[in-house]
Amino acid sequence: MSVLDYTQPPAEPRPTADASSDSGTGGGYGTWRRASWTENTRIGIRDENGNLVGPVYKDGAIEGVTYTRGSVFRPRARVRPDLPLRPDTRTIYRLRDTTPSPAADGTGTSTS
């Protein structure tokens, strides 16, 4: 048997944290979550009325009967939308307007 000679360090008061770095506050700014694909995700099978036919997880979940597996797209989303964005946040991308412009001849089809 080994005996450890241990003396506890002296108790010092813990440094106080400022209000913006408290756990759970996130610094007072919101941010964006990156869009991504999740692979091999359980997807519940639905009937003709849109109701799940059975559980997706836990007891009674049977692959191919109550759920299938597939890829799911998780779109870009705001994290803490109740807080303002950080002032130095840059726009990473912006979606273009993809609606076709009407043709000059009025037919609705573009020739260019």
C-alpha atoms as a PDB file:
ATOM      1  CA  MET A   1       0.000   0.000   0.000  1.00  0.00           C
ATOM      2  CA  SER A   2       1.245   3.496  -0.844  1.00  0.00           C
ATOM      3  CA  VAL A   3       0.659   6.485   1.349  1.00  0.00           C
ATOM      4  CA  LEU A   4       0.418   9.902  -0.269  1.00  0.00           C
ATOM      5  CA  ASP A   5       1.826  12.828   1.669  1.00  0.00           C
ATOM      6  CA  TYR A   6      -0.585  15.584   0.657  1.00  0.00           C
ATOM      7  CA  THR A   7      -1.058  19.021   2.113  1.00  0.00           C
ATOM      8  CA  GLN A   8      -3.991  21.045   0.833  1.00  0.00           C
ATOM      9  CA  PRO A   9      -3.119  24.454  -0.676  1.00  0.00           C
ATOM     10  CA  PRO A  10      -4.246  27.479   1.300  1.00  0.00           C
ATOM     11  CA  ALA A  11      -7.818  28.589   0.627  1.00  0.00           C
ATOM     12  CA  GLU A  12      -7.814  31.757  -1.459  1.00  0.00           C
ATOM     13  CA  PRO A  13     -10.940  33.659  -2.428  1.00  0.00           C
ATOM     14  CA  ARG A  14     -12.010  32.955  -5.964  1.00  0.00           C
ATOM     15  CA  PRO A  15     -11.640  35.909  -8.364  1.00  0.00           C
ATOM     16  CA  THR A  16     -14.945  37.537  -9.193  1.00  0.00           C
ATOM     17  CA  ALA A  17     -16.137  37.256 -12.777  1.00  0.00           C
ATOM     18  CA  ASP A  18     -17.644  40.216 -14.577  1.00  0.00           C
ATOM     19  CA  ALA A  19     -21.322  40.002 -15.526  1.00  0.00           C
ATOM     20  CA  SER A  20     -20.738  39.448 -19.264  1.00  0.00           C
ATOM     21  CA  SER A  21     -18.714  36.248 -18.738  1.00  0.00           C
ATOM     22  CA  ASP A  22     -21.201  34.467 -16.470  1.00  0.00           C
ATOM     23  CA  SER A  23     -22.044  30.957 -17.538  1.00  0.00           C
ATOM     24  CA  GLY A  24     -25.081  30.819 -19.815  1.00  0.00           C
ATOM     25  CA  THR A  25     -25.187  34.481 -20.821  1.00  0.00           C
ATOM     26  CA  GLY A  26     -22.993  34.095 -23.884  1.00  0.00           C
ATOM     27  CA  GLY A  27     -21.481  37.551 -23.637  1.00  0.00           C
ATOM     28  CA  GLY A  28     -24.700  39.413 -24.375  1.00  0.00           C
ATOM     29  CA  TYR A  29     -24.708  38.854 -28.144  1.00  0.00           C
ATOM     30  CA  GLY A  30     -26.561  36.481 -30.425  1.00  0.00           C
ATOM     31  CA  THR A  31     -24.918  34.603 -33.275  1.00  0.00           C
ATOM     32  CA  TRP A  32     -25.669  32.288 -36.202  1.00  0.00           C
ATOM     33  CA  ARG A  33     -25.534  28.499 -36.278  1.00  0.00           C
ATOM     34  CA  ARG A  34     -23.959  27.111 -39.437  1.00  0.00           C
ATOM     35  CA  ALA A  35     -26.174  25.082 -41.787  1.00  0.00           C
ATOM     36  CA  SER A  36     -25.237  21.415 -42.026  1.00  0.00           C
ATOM     37  CA  TRP A  37     -26.318  17.937 -43.047  1.00  0.00           C
ATOM     38  CA  THR A  38     -26.676  15.202 -40.437  1.00  0.00           C
ATOM     39  CA  GLU A  39     -26.086  11.672 -41.708  1.00  0.00           C
ATOM     40  CA  ASN A  40     -27.775   8.473 -40.543  1.00  0.00           C
ATOM     41  CA  THR A  41     -30.584  10.296 -38.695  1.00  0.00           C
ATOM     42  CA  ARG A  42     -33.753   8.488 -37.633  1.00  0.00           C
ATOM     43  CA  ILE A  43     -36.781   9.788 -39.556  1.00  0.00           C
ATOM     44  CA  GLY A  44     -40.251   8.767 -38.379  1.00  0.00           C
ATOM     45  CA  ILE A  45     -42.576   7.071 -40.864  1.00  0.00           C
ATOM     46  CA  ARG A  46     -45.948   8.828 -41.175  1.00  0.00           C
ATOM     47  CA  ASP A  47     -49.353   7.606 -42.320  1.00  0.00           C
ATOM     48  CA  GLU A  48     -51.584   9.255 -44.932  1.00  0.00           C
ATOM     49  CA  ASN A  49     -52.825  11.798 -42.335  1.00  0.00           C
ATOM     50  CA  GLY A  50     -49.306  12.883 -41.375  1.00  0.00           C
ATOM     51  CA  ASN A  51     -49.276  11.100 -37.986  1.00  0.00           C
ATOM     52  CA  LEU A  52     -46.308   9.037 -36.824  1.00  0.00           C
ATOM     53  CA  VAL A  53     -47.041   5.310 -37.111  1.00  0.00           C
ATOM     54  CA  GLY A  54     -44.950   4.489 -34.037  1.00  0.00           C
ATOM     55  CA  PRO A  55     -42.066   5.593 -31.863  1.00  0.00           C
ATOM     56  CA  VAL A  56     -38.801   6.723 -33.420  1.00  0.00           C
ATOM     57  CA  TYR A  57     -36.743   6.097 -30.270  1.00  0.00           C
ATOM     58  CA  LYS A  58     -37.061   3.908 -27.144  1.00  0.00           C
ATOM     59  CA  ASP A  59     -39.229   0.795 -26.772  1.00  0.00           C
ATOM     60  CA  GLY A  60     -41.201  -0.258 -29.818  1.00  0.00           C
ATOM     61  CA  ALA A  61     -39.029   1.556 -32.370  1.00  0.00           C
ATOM     62  CA  ILE A  62     -38.410  -0.839 -35.270  1.00  0.00           C
ATOM     63  CA  GLU A  63     -36.289   0.231 -38.221  1.00  0.00           C
ATOM     64  CA  GLY A  64     -38.256  -0.011 -41.458  1.00  0.00           C
ATOM     65  CA  VAL A  65     -41.590  -0.203 -39.580  1.00  0.00           C
ATOM     66  CA  THR A  66     -41.731   2.925 -37.406  1.00  0.00           C
ATOM     67  CA  TYR A  67     -38.688   4.826 -38.662  1.00  0.00           C
ATOM     68  CA  THR A  68     -36.110   4.966 -41.451  1.00  0.00           C
ATOM     69  CA  ARG A  69     -32.630   6.417 -41.585  1.00  0.00           C
ATOM     70  CA  GLY A  70     -31.534   9.220 -43.861  1.00  0.00           C
ATOM     71  CA  SER A  71     -29.816  12.566 -44.193  1.00  0.00           C
ATOM     72  CA  VAL A  72     -31.456  15.673 -42.741  1.00  0.00           C
ATOM     73  CA  PHE A  73     -30.569  19.264 -43.638  1.00  0.00           C
ATOM     74  CA  ARG A  74     -30.376  21.642 -40.678  1.00  0.00           C
ATOM     75  CA  PRO A  75     -30.718  25.200 -42.062  1.00  0.00           C
ATOM     76  CA  ARG A  76     -28.827  28.226 -40.821  1.00  0.00           C
ATOM     77  CA  ALA A  77     -30.500  29.582 -37.709  1.00  0.00           C
ATOM     78  CA  ARG A  78     -30.084  32.315 -35.119  1.00  0.00           C
ATOM     79  CA  VAL A  79     -28.697  31.378 -31.714  1.00  0.00           C
ATOM     80  CA  ARG A  80     -30.273  33.582 -29.032  1.00  0.00           C
ATOM     81  CA  PRO A  81     -32.389  35.695 -31.408  1.00  0.00           C
ATOM     82  CA  ASP A  82     -33.521  37.773 -28.427  1.00  0.00           C
ATOM     83  CA  LEU A  83     -30.013  39.291 -28.229  1.00  0.00           C
ATOM     84  CA  PRO A  84     -28.510  41.660 -30.823  1.00  0.00           C
ATOM     85  CA  LEU A  85     -25.742  40.460 -33.152  1.00  0.00           C
ATOM     86  CA  ARG A  86     -22.188  41.402 -32.299  1.00  0.00           C
ATOM     87  CA  PRO A  87     -21.316  44.723 -34.035  1.00  0.00           C
ATOM     88  CA  ASP A  88     -18.345  43.174 -35.871  1.00  0.00           C
ATOM     89  CA  THR A  89     -20.457  40.297 -37.316  1.00  0.00           C
ATOM     90  CA  ARG A  90     -19.976  40.038 -41.073  1.00  0.00           C
ATOM     91  CA  THR A  91     -22.512  38.771 -43.595  1.00  0.00           C
ATOM     92  CA  ILE A  92     -21.048  35.496 -44.846  1.00  0.00           C
ATOM     93  CA  TYR A  93     -23.433  34.957 -47.715  1.00  0.00           C
ATOM     94  CA  ARG A  94     -26.625  36.435 -49.043  1.00  0.00           C
ATOM     95  CA  LEU A  95     -29.167  34.575 -51.174  1.00  0.00           C
ATOM     96  CA  ARG A  96     -29.737  35.977 -54.635  1.00  0.00           C
ATOM     97  CA  ASP A  97     -33.143  36.767 -56.011  1.00  0.00           C
ATOM     98  CA  THR A  98     -33.637  33.871 -58.441  1.00  0.00           C
ATOM     99  CA  THR A  99     -37.025  34.898 -59.826  1.00  0.00           C
ATOM    100  CA  PRO A 100     -36.872  35.157 -63.630  1.00  0.00           C
ATOM    101  CA  SER A 101     -37.258  38.611 -65.033  1.00  0.00           C
ATOM    102  CA  PRO A 102     -40.082  39.083 -67.588  1.00  0.00           C
ATOM    103  CA  ALA A 103     -39.047  39.296 -71.235  1.00  0.00           C
ATOM    104  CA  ALA A 104     -39.194  42.568 -73.101  1.00  0.00           C
ATOM    105  CA  ASP A 105     -41.663  41.188 -75.665  1.00  0.00           C
ATOM    106  CA  GLY A 106     -44.255  40.390 -72.935  1.00  0.00           C
ATOM    107  CA  THR A 107     -44.334  36.641 -73.534  1.00  0.00           C
ATOM    108  CA  GLY A 108     -42.834  35.860 -70.141  1.00  0.00           C
ATOM    109  CA  THR A 109     -39.912  33.948 -71.589  1.00  0.00           C
ATOM    110  CA  SER A 110     -36.448  35.315 -71.907  1.00  0.00           C
ATOM    111  CA  THR A 111     -34.571  34.853 -75.180  1.00  0.00           C
ATOM    112  CA  SER A 112     -31.118  35.612 -73.793  1.00  0.00           C
END
